[in-house]
N, C-alpha and C. Protein backbone atom coordinates (compact mmCIF):
# COMPACT_ATOMS: atom_id res chain seq x y z
N MET A 1 80.54 140.90 135.08
CA MET A 1 81.40 140.98 133.89
C MET A 1 81.90 139.57 133.55
N ALA A 2 81.66 139.15 132.32
CA ALA A 2 82.05 137.80 131.91
C ALA A 2 83.56 137.71 131.77
N ALA A 3 84.11 136.56 132.18
CA ALA A 3 85.55 136.35 132.08
C ALA A 3 85.95 136.17 130.62
N SER A 4 87.14 136.63 130.29
CA SER A 4 87.63 136.46 128.92
C SER A 4 87.92 134.99 128.66
N PRO A 5 87.67 134.52 127.43
CA PRO A 5 87.94 133.10 127.13
C PRO A 5 89.43 132.80 127.17
N LEU A 6 89.74 131.57 127.48
CA LEU A 6 91.14 131.12 127.51
C LEU A 6 91.76 131.27 126.13
N ARG A 7 92.95 131.86 126.07
CA ARG A 7 93.65 132.08 124.81
C ARG A 7 94.56 130.88 124.52
N VAL A 8 94.35 130.25 123.37
CA VAL A 8 95.11 129.04 123.01
C VAL A 8 95.74 129.21 121.65
N ALA A 9 97.03 128.90 121.57
CA ALA A 9 97.73 128.87 120.29
C ALA A 9 97.94 127.41 119.89
N VAL A 10 97.56 127.07 118.67
CA VAL A 10 97.80 125.74 118.13
C VAL A 10 98.88 125.88 117.06
N VAL A 11 100.00 125.21 117.24
CA VAL A 11 101.11 125.29 116.30
C VAL A 11 101.08 124.04 115.41
N GLY A 12 100.79 124.23 114.14
CA GLY A 12 100.69 123.11 113.21
C GLY A 12 99.30 123.05 112.61
N GLY A 13 99.22 123.17 111.28
CA GLY A 13 97.92 123.18 110.61
C GLY A 13 97.62 121.94 109.83
N GLY A 14 98.15 120.80 110.28
CA GLY A 14 97.79 119.52 109.66
C GLY A 14 96.44 119.06 110.16
N LEU A 15 96.11 117.80 109.89
CA LEU A 15 94.81 117.27 110.29
C LEU A 15 94.64 117.31 111.80
N SER A 16 95.68 116.90 112.55
CA SER A 16 95.58 116.89 114.02
C SER A 16 95.42 118.30 114.56
N GLY A 17 96.27 119.23 114.09
CA GLY A 17 96.19 120.61 114.56
C GLY A 17 94.88 121.27 114.18
N GLY A 18 94.42 121.03 112.96
CA GLY A 18 93.17 121.63 112.50
C GLY A 18 91.97 121.15 113.30
N VAL A 19 91.90 119.84 113.54
CA VAL A 19 90.79 119.28 114.32
C VAL A 19 90.86 119.80 115.75
N CYS A 20 92.07 119.82 116.34
CA CYS A 20 92.24 120.31 117.70
C CYS A 20 91.77 121.76 117.82
N ALA A 21 92.22 122.62 116.90
CA ALA A 21 91.84 124.03 116.94
C ALA A 21 90.33 124.22 116.81
N ALA A 22 89.71 123.47 115.90
CA ALA A 22 88.27 123.59 115.69
C ALA A 22 87.49 123.15 116.92
N LEU A 23 87.90 122.04 117.54
CA LEU A 23 87.19 121.54 118.72
C LEU A 23 87.33 122.49 119.91
N LEU A 24 88.53 123.06 120.09
CA LEU A 24 88.73 124.01 121.19
C LEU A 24 87.93 125.29 120.96
N GLN A 25 87.91 125.78 119.73
CA GLN A 25 87.12 126.97 119.41
C GLN A 25 85.64 126.70 119.64
N ARG A 26 85.21 125.51 119.31
CA ARG A 26 83.81 125.12 119.50
C ARG A 26 83.43 125.13 120.97
N GLN A 27 84.41 124.88 121.85
CA GLN A 27 84.16 124.88 123.29
C GLN A 27 84.20 126.29 123.89
N GLY A 28 84.39 127.30 123.06
CA GLY A 28 84.35 128.66 123.54
C GLY A 28 85.69 129.29 123.84
N LEU A 29 86.79 128.60 123.52
CA LEU A 29 88.11 129.16 123.74
C LEU A 29 88.49 130.08 122.58
N ALA A 30 89.41 130.99 122.83
CA ALA A 30 89.89 131.90 121.78
C ALA A 30 91.14 131.30 121.16
N VAL A 31 90.98 130.66 120.01
CA VAL A 31 92.04 129.86 119.40
C VAL A 31 92.63 130.57 118.20
N GLN A 32 93.94 130.50 118.09
CA GLN A 32 94.64 130.95 116.89
C GLN A 32 95.58 129.82 116.45
N LEU A 33 95.62 129.58 115.14
CA LEU A 33 96.44 128.49 114.59
C LEU A 33 97.59 129.08 113.79
N PHE A 34 98.78 128.49 113.95
CA PHE A 34 99.98 128.96 113.26
C PHE A 34 100.55 127.82 112.41
N ASP A 35 100.78 128.10 111.13
CA ASP A 35 101.38 127.10 110.24
C ASP A 35 102.11 127.83 109.12
N PRO A 36 103.38 127.47 108.86
CA PRO A 36 104.16 128.19 107.83
C PRO A 36 103.97 127.64 106.42
N GLY A 37 103.23 126.56 106.27
CA GLY A 37 103.10 125.92 104.97
C GLY A 37 102.31 126.75 103.96
N LYS A 38 102.48 126.40 102.69
CA LYS A 38 101.74 127.07 101.64
C LYS A 38 100.26 126.72 101.71
N ARG A 39 99.96 125.52 102.23
CA ARG A 39 98.58 125.06 102.28
C ARG A 39 98.29 124.49 103.67
N LEU A 40 97.10 124.74 104.15
CA LEU A 40 96.68 124.11 105.40
C LEU A 40 96.34 122.65 105.14
N GLY A 41 96.58 121.82 106.13
CA GLY A 41 96.27 120.40 105.99
C GLY A 41 97.48 119.50 106.13
N GLY A 42 98.70 120.05 106.01
CA GLY A 42 99.90 119.23 106.14
C GLY A 42 99.93 118.13 105.09
N MET A 43 100.05 116.88 105.55
CA MET A 43 100.06 115.74 104.64
C MET A 43 98.66 115.36 104.17
N ALA A 44 97.67 116.15 104.56
CA ALA A 44 96.31 115.97 104.05
C ALA A 44 95.90 117.26 103.33
N SER A 45 96.79 117.72 102.45
CA SER A 45 96.52 118.95 101.70
C SER A 45 96.58 118.66 100.20
N SER A 46 96.14 119.63 99.43
CA SER A 46 96.12 119.48 97.97
C SER A 46 96.72 120.71 97.33
N GLY A 47 97.26 120.52 96.13
CA GLY A 47 97.81 121.63 95.36
C GLY A 47 97.36 121.54 93.92
N ARG A 48 97.74 122.54 93.14
CA ARG A 48 97.38 122.58 91.73
C ARG A 48 98.63 122.38 90.88
N VAL A 49 98.53 121.52 89.88
CA VAL A 49 99.62 121.23 88.96
C VAL A 49 99.15 121.49 87.55
N LYS A 50 99.97 122.21 86.77
CA LYS A 50 99.60 122.51 85.39
C LYS A 50 100.22 121.48 84.46
N LEU A 51 99.38 120.75 83.76
CA LEU A 51 99.81 119.77 82.77
C LEU A 51 99.26 120.19 81.41
N GLY A 52 100.15 120.77 80.62
CA GLY A 52 99.68 121.32 79.35
C GLY A 52 98.75 122.48 79.59
N LYS A 53 97.55 122.39 79.05
CA LYS A 53 96.55 123.43 79.27
C LYS A 53 95.66 123.14 80.48
N ALA A 54 95.82 121.96 81.04
CA ALA A 54 94.96 121.57 82.15
C ALA A 54 95.57 122.01 83.49
N ASN A 55 94.72 122.43 84.39
CA ASN A 55 95.12 122.78 85.75
C ASN A 55 94.50 121.74 86.68
N ILE A 56 95.31 120.81 87.16
CA ILE A 56 94.81 119.63 87.87
C ILE A 56 95.08 119.74 89.37
N ARG A 57 94.07 119.41 90.17
CA ARG A 57 94.27 119.34 91.61
C ARG A 57 94.92 118.01 91.97
N MET A 58 95.97 118.07 92.77
CA MET A 58 96.69 116.86 93.14
C MET A 58 96.87 116.82 94.65
N ASP A 59 96.58 115.67 95.26
CA ASP A 59 96.78 115.50 96.69
C ASP A 59 98.28 115.45 96.99
N VAL A 60 98.72 116.23 97.96
CA VAL A 60 100.14 116.30 98.30
C VAL A 60 100.58 115.05 99.05
N GLY A 61 99.75 114.55 99.95
CA GLY A 61 100.11 113.37 100.74
C GLY A 61 99.03 112.31 100.62
N ALA A 62 98.22 112.20 101.67
CA ALA A 62 97.18 111.17 101.71
C ALA A 62 96.05 111.49 100.74
N GLN A 63 95.52 110.46 100.12
CA GLN A 63 94.33 110.62 99.28
C GLN A 63 93.05 110.33 100.06
N PHE A 64 93.20 109.62 101.16
CA PHE A 64 92.03 109.25 101.96
C PHE A 64 92.48 108.97 103.39
N MET A 65 91.52 108.80 104.27
CA MET A 65 91.78 108.50 105.68
C MET A 65 91.11 107.20 106.05
N VAL A 66 91.74 106.45 106.95
CA VAL A 66 91.17 105.22 107.48
C VAL A 66 90.99 105.39 108.98
N ALA A 67 89.80 105.17 109.49
CA ALA A 67 89.53 105.32 110.91
C ALA A 67 89.83 104.02 111.63
N THR A 68 91.05 103.89 112.18
CA THR A 68 91.43 102.71 112.95
C THR A 68 91.20 102.92 114.45
N ASP A 69 90.82 104.13 114.83
CA ASP A 69 90.56 104.46 116.23
C ASP A 69 89.08 104.81 116.38
N GLN A 70 88.43 104.26 117.39
CA GLN A 70 86.99 104.46 117.55
C GLN A 70 86.65 105.93 117.77
N ARG A 71 87.53 106.66 118.46
CA ARG A 71 87.27 108.08 118.71
C ARG A 71 87.31 108.88 117.42
N PHE A 72 88.23 108.51 116.51
CA PHE A 72 88.30 109.20 115.23
C PHE A 72 87.06 108.87 114.39
N GLN A 73 86.61 107.63 114.46
CA GLN A 73 85.39 107.25 113.74
C GLN A 73 84.19 108.06 114.24
N GLN A 74 84.10 108.21 115.57
CA GLN A 74 83.01 108.99 116.15
C GLN A 74 83.07 110.44 115.70
N LEU A 75 84.29 110.98 115.58
CA LEU A 75 84.44 112.35 115.10
C LEU A 75 83.97 112.48 113.65
N LEU A 76 84.37 111.52 112.80
CA LEU A 76 83.97 111.58 111.39
C LEU A 76 82.45 111.47 111.24
N ASP A 77 81.80 110.74 112.14
CA ASP A 77 80.35 110.55 112.07
C ASP A 77 79.57 111.64 112.79
N SER A 78 80.27 112.56 113.46
CA SER A 78 79.61 113.56 114.29
C SER A 78 79.12 114.75 113.47
N PRO A 79 78.21 115.57 114.04
CA PRO A 79 77.75 116.78 113.34
C PRO A 79 78.88 117.77 113.04
N ILE A 80 79.99 117.67 113.78
CA ILE A 80 81.12 118.57 113.56
C ILE A 80 81.63 118.45 112.13
N MET A 81 81.63 117.22 111.61
CA MET A 81 82.16 116.95 110.27
C MET A 81 81.07 116.86 109.21
N ALA A 82 79.83 117.09 109.59
CA ALA A 82 78.72 116.94 108.65
C ALA A 82 78.91 117.85 107.44
N GLY A 83 78.85 117.26 106.26
CA GLY A 83 79.00 118.02 105.02
C GLY A 83 80.43 118.30 104.62
N LEU A 84 81.40 117.88 105.45
CA LEU A 84 82.81 118.13 105.15
C LEU A 84 83.55 116.88 104.70
N VAL A 85 83.04 115.69 105.06
CA VAL A 85 83.69 114.44 104.68
C VAL A 85 82.71 113.56 103.92
N ARG A 86 83.26 112.67 103.13
CA ARG A 86 82.47 111.68 102.41
C ARG A 86 83.31 110.42 102.27
N GLU A 87 82.66 109.34 101.92
CA GLU A 87 83.41 108.10 101.70
C GLU A 87 84.22 108.21 100.41
N TRP A 88 85.45 107.71 100.48
CA TRP A 88 86.36 107.74 99.33
C TRP A 88 86.07 106.55 98.43
N GLN A 89 85.83 106.82 97.17
CA GLN A 89 85.48 105.76 96.21
C GLN A 89 86.51 105.68 95.09
N GLY A 90 87.75 106.02 95.41
CA GLY A 90 88.79 106.01 94.39
C GLY A 90 89.14 104.62 93.92
N ARG A 91 89.93 104.57 92.85
CA ARG A 91 90.38 103.29 92.29
C ARG A 91 91.90 103.20 92.40
N PHE A 92 92.43 101.99 92.25
CA PHE A 92 93.85 101.74 92.41
C PHE A 92 94.47 101.34 91.07
N GLY A 93 95.57 102.02 90.72
CA GLY A 93 96.32 101.63 89.55
C GLY A 93 97.34 100.58 89.96
N VAL A 94 97.22 99.37 89.45
CA VAL A 94 98.09 98.27 89.85
C VAL A 94 98.95 97.90 88.65
N LEU A 95 100.26 98.10 88.79
CA LEU A 95 101.17 97.82 87.68
C LEU A 95 101.71 96.39 87.78
N GLY A 96 101.76 95.70 86.68
CA GLY A 96 102.36 94.38 86.63
C GLY A 96 101.42 93.27 87.00
N ALA A 97 100.84 93.32 88.20
CA ALA A 97 100.02 92.21 88.68
C ALA A 97 98.82 91.95 87.78
N ARG A 98 98.23 93.03 87.24
CA ARG A 98 97.07 92.85 86.36
C ARG A 98 97.26 93.63 85.06
N GLY A 99 98.51 93.72 84.60
CA GLY A 99 98.76 94.38 83.32
C GLY A 99 98.56 95.87 83.33
N GLY A 100 98.73 96.52 84.50
CA GLY A 100 98.60 97.96 84.57
C GLY A 100 97.18 98.46 84.57
N GLU A 101 96.22 97.61 84.92
CA GLU A 101 94.82 98.02 84.95
C GLU A 101 94.56 98.96 86.13
N VAL A 102 93.54 99.78 86.01
CA VAL A 102 93.03 100.59 87.12
C VAL A 102 91.81 99.87 87.67
N LEU A 103 91.91 99.42 88.91
CA LEU A 103 90.91 98.52 89.47
C LEU A 103 90.16 99.15 90.63
N SER A 104 88.95 98.69 90.85
CA SER A 104 88.18 99.13 92.00
C SER A 104 88.73 98.47 93.26
N ARG A 105 88.40 99.04 94.41
CA ARG A 105 88.88 98.48 95.67
C ARG A 105 88.37 97.05 95.86
N ASP A 106 87.13 96.78 95.47
CA ASP A 106 86.56 95.44 95.65
C ASP A 106 87.37 94.40 94.88
N VAL A 107 87.78 94.73 93.67
CA VAL A 107 88.56 93.79 92.87
C VAL A 107 89.91 93.54 93.53
N VAL A 108 90.54 94.60 94.05
CA VAL A 108 91.83 94.44 94.72
C VAL A 108 91.68 93.58 95.97
N LEU A 109 90.59 93.78 96.71
CA LEU A 109 90.34 92.98 97.91
C LEU A 109 90.18 91.50 97.55
N GLU A 110 89.41 91.24 96.52
CA GLU A 110 89.15 89.85 96.14
C GLU A 110 90.40 89.15 95.63
N SER A 111 91.27 89.88 94.92
CA SER A 111 92.44 89.26 94.33
C SER A 111 93.52 88.94 95.36
N GLY A 112 93.58 89.76 96.45
CA GLY A 112 94.63 89.57 97.45
C GLY A 112 96.01 89.95 96.94
N MET A 113 96.08 90.70 95.82
CA MET A 113 97.37 90.98 95.19
C MET A 113 98.28 91.87 96.04
N MET A 114 97.71 92.60 96.99
CA MET A 114 98.53 93.49 97.79
C MET A 114 99.01 92.85 99.09
N ARG A 115 98.66 91.60 99.33
CA ARG A 115 99.08 90.94 100.56
C ARG A 115 100.55 90.56 100.50
N THR A 116 101.17 90.53 101.68
CA THR A 116 102.57 90.13 101.76
C THR A 116 102.70 88.67 101.35
N PRO A 117 103.55 88.33 100.38
CA PRO A 117 103.66 86.93 99.95
C PRO A 117 104.20 86.05 101.08
N SER A 118 103.68 84.85 101.19
CA SER A 118 104.14 83.92 102.22
C SER A 118 105.49 83.33 101.82
N ARG A 119 106.31 83.03 102.81
CA ARG A 119 107.64 82.48 102.56
C ARG A 119 107.55 80.95 102.38
N PRO A 120 108.34 80.37 101.53
CA PRO A 120 108.36 78.90 101.44
C PRO A 120 108.83 78.30 102.75
N SER A 121 108.26 77.15 103.11
CA SER A 121 108.54 76.54 104.42
C SER A 121 109.99 76.11 104.58
N ASN A 122 110.68 75.86 103.50
CA ASN A 122 112.05 75.40 103.60
C ASN A 122 113.07 76.53 103.44
N ALA A 123 112.60 77.77 103.49
CA ALA A 123 113.51 78.90 103.26
C ALA A 123 114.45 79.13 104.43
N ARG A 124 114.02 78.81 105.65
CA ARG A 124 114.84 79.04 106.83
C ARG A 124 114.72 77.86 107.79
N ALA A 125 115.51 77.90 108.82
CA ALA A 125 115.39 76.89 109.87
C ALA A 125 114.04 77.07 110.56
N ASP A 126 113.59 76.00 111.24
CA ASP A 126 112.25 76.02 111.84
C ASP A 126 112.05 77.20 112.79
N LYS A 127 113.02 77.47 113.66
CA LYS A 127 112.86 78.55 114.64
C LYS A 127 112.78 79.91 113.96
N GLU A 128 113.61 80.11 112.96
CA GLU A 128 113.60 81.39 112.25
C GLU A 128 112.31 81.56 111.46
N GLN A 129 111.85 80.43 110.89
CA GLN A 129 110.59 80.47 110.14
C GLN A 129 109.43 80.81 111.06
N GLU A 130 109.43 80.22 112.25
CA GLU A 130 108.37 80.49 113.22
C GLU A 130 108.38 81.96 113.64
N ALA A 131 109.59 82.51 113.85
CA ALA A 131 109.71 83.92 114.23
C ALA A 131 109.18 84.83 113.12
N ASP A 132 109.48 84.47 111.87
CA ASP A 132 108.99 85.26 110.75
C ASP A 132 107.47 85.25 110.69
N GLU A 133 106.88 84.08 110.93
CA GLU A 133 105.42 83.96 110.87
C GLU A 133 104.76 84.80 111.95
N VAL A 134 105.36 84.80 113.16
CA VAL A 134 104.83 85.61 114.25
C VAL A 134 104.90 87.09 113.90
N ALA A 135 106.03 87.52 113.34
CA ALA A 135 106.22 88.92 112.97
C ALA A 135 105.22 89.35 111.90
N GLU A 136 105.01 88.46 110.90
CA GLU A 136 104.07 88.78 109.83
C GLU A 136 102.64 88.86 110.36
N LYS A 137 102.30 87.99 111.31
CA LYS A 137 100.96 88.02 111.90
C LYS A 137 100.75 89.31 112.67
N GLU A 138 101.75 89.73 113.44
CA GLU A 138 101.65 90.97 114.20
C GLU A 138 101.51 92.17 113.26
N GLN A 139 102.25 92.13 112.15
CA GLN A 139 102.17 93.23 111.19
C GLN A 139 100.79 93.30 110.55
N SER A 140 100.24 92.15 110.20
CA SER A 140 98.94 92.14 109.54
C SER A 140 97.82 92.60 110.45
N GLN A 141 98.00 92.42 111.77
CA GLN A 141 96.97 92.82 112.73
C GLN A 141 97.18 94.22 113.27
N SER A 142 98.29 94.84 112.92
CA SER A 142 98.59 96.17 113.44
C SER A 142 97.69 97.22 112.80
N PRO A 143 97.17 98.19 113.59
CA PRO A 143 96.33 99.25 113.02
C PRO A 143 97.10 100.21 112.13
N ILE A 144 98.44 100.14 112.14
CA ILE A 144 99.21 101.04 111.28
C ILE A 144 99.78 100.30 110.07
N ASN A 145 99.30 99.09 109.82
CA ASN A 145 99.74 98.33 108.65
C ASN A 145 99.22 99.03 107.40
N TYR A 146 100.13 99.45 106.52
CA TYR A 146 99.75 100.24 105.36
C TYR A 146 98.87 99.46 104.39
N TYR A 147 98.95 98.14 104.42
CA TYR A 147 98.15 97.35 103.48
C TYR A 147 96.81 96.92 104.07
N ARG A 148 96.56 97.29 105.32
CA ARG A 148 95.36 96.78 105.97
C ARG A 148 94.08 97.21 105.26
N PHE A 149 94.09 98.43 104.70
CA PHE A 149 92.88 98.90 104.05
C PHE A 149 92.59 98.13 102.77
N LEU A 150 93.59 97.38 102.27
CA LEU A 150 93.38 96.59 101.06
C LEU A 150 93.09 95.12 101.39
N GLU A 151 93.60 94.65 102.52
CA GLU A 151 93.37 93.24 102.81
C GLU A 151 92.38 93.04 103.95
N GLY A 152 91.78 94.15 104.42
CA GLY A 152 90.75 94.04 105.44
C GLY A 152 89.40 93.81 104.80
N SER A 153 88.35 93.91 105.61
CA SER A 153 87.00 93.68 105.09
C SER A 153 86.49 94.93 104.39
N ARG A 154 85.47 94.74 103.57
CA ARG A 154 84.87 95.88 102.87
C ARG A 154 84.15 96.81 103.83
N GLU A 155 83.90 96.37 105.05
CA GLU A 155 83.25 97.20 106.04
C GLU A 155 84.16 98.32 106.54
N GLN A 156 85.46 98.20 106.32
CA GLN A 156 86.39 99.25 106.71
C GLN A 156 86.27 100.40 105.71
N ARG A 157 85.71 101.51 106.17
CA ARG A 157 85.39 102.62 105.29
C ARG A 157 86.58 103.56 105.13
N LEU A 158 86.72 104.11 103.94
CA LEU A 158 87.75 105.08 103.64
C LEU A 158 87.08 106.44 103.45
N TYR A 159 87.74 107.51 103.91
CA TYR A 159 87.13 108.83 103.89
C TYR A 159 88.04 109.84 103.19
N THR A 160 87.41 110.88 102.66
CA THR A 160 88.14 112.03 102.14
C THR A 160 87.29 113.26 102.39
N GLY A 161 87.84 114.42 102.10
CA GLY A 161 87.06 115.64 102.26
C GLY A 161 86.16 115.87 101.07
N VAL A 162 85.08 116.59 101.26
CA VAL A 162 84.22 116.97 100.15
C VAL A 162 85.01 117.95 99.28
N GLY A 163 85.25 117.58 98.03
CA GLY A 163 86.09 118.37 97.16
C GLY A 163 87.54 117.94 97.21
N GLY A 164 87.84 116.86 97.95
CA GLY A 164 89.20 116.36 98.06
C GLY A 164 89.70 116.44 99.49
N VAL A 165 90.67 115.60 99.82
CA VAL A 165 91.15 115.55 101.19
C VAL A 165 91.76 116.88 101.62
N GLY A 166 92.31 117.64 100.67
CA GLY A 166 92.93 118.92 101.00
C GLY A 166 91.94 120.01 101.37
N MET A 167 90.66 119.79 101.13
CA MET A 167 89.65 120.78 101.47
C MET A 167 89.15 120.64 102.90
N LEU A 168 89.49 119.53 103.57
CA LEU A 168 88.90 119.24 104.87
C LEU A 168 89.34 120.22 105.95
N VAL A 169 90.65 120.38 106.16
CA VAL A 169 91.13 121.25 107.24
C VAL A 169 90.72 122.70 107.04
N PRO A 170 90.93 123.31 105.85
CA PRO A 170 90.47 124.68 105.67
C PRO A 170 88.97 124.86 105.92
N ALA A 171 88.16 123.89 105.46
CA ALA A 171 86.72 124.00 105.66
C ALA A 171 86.35 123.88 107.13
N LEU A 172 87.04 123.01 107.86
CA LEU A 172 86.77 122.82 109.28
C LEU A 172 87.12 124.08 110.08
N LEU A 173 88.28 124.68 109.77
CA LEU A 173 88.68 125.90 110.45
C LEU A 173 87.74 127.05 110.12
N ASP A 174 87.29 127.11 108.88
CA ASP A 174 86.36 128.16 108.47
C ASP A 174 85.01 127.98 109.16
N ARG A 175 84.57 126.74 109.31
CA ARG A 175 83.27 126.47 109.94
C ARG A 175 83.22 127.02 111.36
N PHE A 176 84.33 126.93 112.08
CA PHE A 176 84.35 127.37 113.48
C PHE A 176 85.10 128.69 113.66
N SER A 177 85.35 129.39 112.55
CA SER A 177 85.94 130.73 112.58
C SER A 177 87.24 130.79 113.37
N VAL A 178 88.13 129.83 113.11
CA VAL A 178 89.44 129.82 113.76
C VAL A 178 90.36 130.77 113.02
N LYS A 179 90.99 131.68 113.73
CA LYS A 179 91.93 132.62 113.13
C LYS A 179 93.23 131.90 112.82
N THR A 180 93.72 132.04 111.59
CA THR A 180 94.94 131.33 111.19
C THR A 180 96.02 132.33 110.79
N HIS A 181 97.28 131.94 111.04
CA HIS A 181 98.43 132.75 110.66
C HIS A 181 99.37 131.88 109.84
N ARG A 182 99.75 132.32 108.65
CA ARG A 182 100.67 131.55 107.82
C ARG A 182 102.08 131.99 108.14
N ALA A 183 102.57 131.55 109.28
CA ALA A 183 103.89 131.93 109.76
C ALA A 183 104.41 130.84 110.67
N SER A 184 105.73 130.75 110.78
CA SER A 184 106.35 129.79 111.69
C SER A 184 106.59 130.44 113.05
N VAL A 185 106.66 129.62 114.08
CA VAL A 185 106.94 130.10 115.43
C VAL A 185 108.45 130.14 115.63
N GLN A 186 108.98 131.31 115.86
CA GLN A 186 110.42 131.48 116.03
C GLN A 186 110.86 131.32 117.48
N GLU A 187 110.01 131.74 118.39
CA GLU A 187 110.39 131.69 119.81
C GLU A 187 109.15 131.45 120.66
N LEU A 188 109.30 130.61 121.66
CA LEU A 188 108.20 130.29 122.57
C LEU A 188 108.75 130.25 123.99
N SER A 189 108.22 131.09 124.86
CA SER A 189 108.71 131.16 126.24
C SER A 189 107.54 131.24 127.21
N PHE A 190 107.80 130.85 128.44
CA PHE A 190 106.76 130.85 129.47
C PHE A 190 107.16 131.76 130.62
N GLN A 191 106.24 132.64 131.00
CA GLN A 191 106.46 133.54 132.13
C GLN A 191 105.82 132.94 133.36
N LEU A 192 106.62 132.67 134.38
CA LEU A 192 106.14 132.02 135.59
C LEU A 192 105.11 132.89 136.31
N PRO A 193 104.17 132.24 137.00
CA PRO A 193 103.16 133.01 137.75
C PRO A 193 103.80 133.81 138.88
N HIS A 194 103.21 134.96 139.17
CA HIS A 194 103.62 135.75 140.32
C HIS A 194 102.40 136.50 140.84
N VAL A 195 102.56 137.31 141.84
CA VAL A 195 101.44 138.00 142.46
C VAL A 195 100.70 138.85 141.43
N GLY A 196 99.40 138.57 141.30
CA GLY A 196 98.58 139.32 140.36
C GLY A 196 98.68 138.87 138.92
N HIS A 197 99.44 137.78 138.68
CA HIS A 197 99.62 137.29 137.30
C HIS A 197 99.69 135.77 137.34
N CYS A 198 98.88 135.12 136.52
CA CYS A 198 98.79 133.66 136.56
C CYS A 198 99.82 132.97 135.67
N GLY A 199 100.62 133.74 134.96
CA GLY A 199 101.60 133.13 134.06
C GLY A 199 101.03 132.93 132.66
N CYS A 200 101.88 132.99 131.66
CA CYS A 200 101.39 132.82 130.29
C CYS A 200 102.55 132.48 129.37
N TRP A 201 102.20 132.03 128.17
CA TRP A 201 103.16 131.75 127.11
C TRP A 201 103.29 132.96 126.21
N THR A 202 104.49 133.26 125.79
CA THR A 202 104.73 134.31 124.81
C THR A 202 105.25 133.67 123.53
N LEU A 203 104.59 133.99 122.44
CA LEU A 203 104.89 133.37 121.15
C LEU A 203 105.30 134.45 120.16
N GLN A 204 106.43 134.24 119.48
CA GLN A 204 106.90 135.16 118.45
C GLN A 204 107.00 134.43 117.13
N THR A 205 106.46 135.03 116.07
CA THR A 205 106.43 134.37 114.77
C THR A 205 107.45 134.96 113.81
N SER A 206 107.59 134.31 112.65
CA SER A 206 108.51 134.77 111.62
C SER A 206 108.08 136.09 111.01
N CYS A 207 106.83 136.49 111.23
CA CYS A 207 106.33 137.77 110.73
C CYS A 207 106.55 138.90 111.73
N GLY A 208 107.16 138.57 112.87
CA GLY A 208 107.43 139.59 113.87
C GLY A 208 106.33 139.79 114.89
N MET A 209 105.26 139.02 114.80
CA MET A 209 104.17 139.15 115.76
C MET A 209 104.57 138.55 117.10
N ILE A 210 104.30 139.26 118.18
CA ILE A 210 104.53 138.76 119.53
C ILE A 210 103.20 138.82 120.27
N GLN A 211 102.77 137.65 120.82
CA GLN A 211 101.46 137.59 121.44
C GLN A 211 101.49 136.62 122.62
N ALA A 212 100.65 136.90 123.62
CA ALA A 212 100.58 136.08 124.82
C ALA A 212 99.40 135.11 124.73
N PHE A 213 99.63 133.90 125.25
CA PHE A 213 98.58 132.87 125.27
C PHE A 213 98.58 132.17 126.63
N ASP A 214 97.40 131.68 127.01
CA ASP A 214 97.27 130.95 128.26
C ASP A 214 97.73 129.50 128.11
N ALA A 215 97.63 128.96 126.90
CA ALA A 215 98.02 127.57 126.64
C ALA A 215 98.50 127.45 125.20
N VAL A 216 99.40 126.49 124.96
CA VAL A 216 99.93 126.24 123.63
C VAL A 216 99.83 124.75 123.33
N VAL A 217 99.34 124.43 122.15
CA VAL A 217 99.26 123.04 121.68
C VAL A 217 100.25 122.88 120.53
N LEU A 218 101.22 121.96 120.69
CA LEU A 218 102.17 121.69 119.62
C LEU A 218 101.65 120.49 118.81
N ALA A 219 101.21 120.77 117.60
CA ALA A 219 100.69 119.73 116.72
C ALA A 219 101.48 119.67 115.43
N ASN A 220 102.74 120.09 115.50
CA ASN A 220 103.60 120.05 114.31
C ASN A 220 104.64 118.97 114.48
N HIS A 221 105.21 118.52 113.36
CA HIS A 221 106.16 117.41 113.40
C HIS A 221 107.55 117.88 113.82
N ASP A 222 107.79 119.19 113.84
CA ASP A 222 109.13 119.70 114.17
C ASP A 222 109.00 120.87 115.15
N PRO A 223 108.68 120.58 116.42
CA PRO A 223 108.46 121.65 117.38
C PRO A 223 109.75 122.39 117.70
């Protein structure tokens, strides 16, 4: 008799939670994902906005993703994501610097308009000026620098989901048949192991569902 698969609850349906749930399900675990939001994807989700007679899809948070971690790059290039992601070819609306033009990424890169302006050498004392230069250098080299995708090389690729960044998490969960619940977790408790029982997590949701799991992954910003 085959053993039952490990039961895993993933709390949080953003990009991290969605990828985690899909990968665990792919490994043969019995995964269920819980998220109370209106849309799966968290800050990588999309919604619809009505402007006049037009019904426009609008990204709620991020419009694209930048792979600053080699493991994330490998995931984006893997068969797991095949057909779900594409390179982002959007344009940037730049106000003031170029008269409000909408420019391609290449033009923005060449102009350097998004770079942090350098301070005049006589603005501070030498020691303070040196400290500022060190801080600015560290910021420019940081993988979490928000301007890095504009002042880096063109080889740094930007990604989005096929159909928009908000389509990525739902499509990934659907590809691996992950069961999802649109509810928040109200209570989470652990029953210690005892004779004949290995211990488990008990999860209760805002919909009144109470269910046992062997493991819980917290991938939400407010556990």
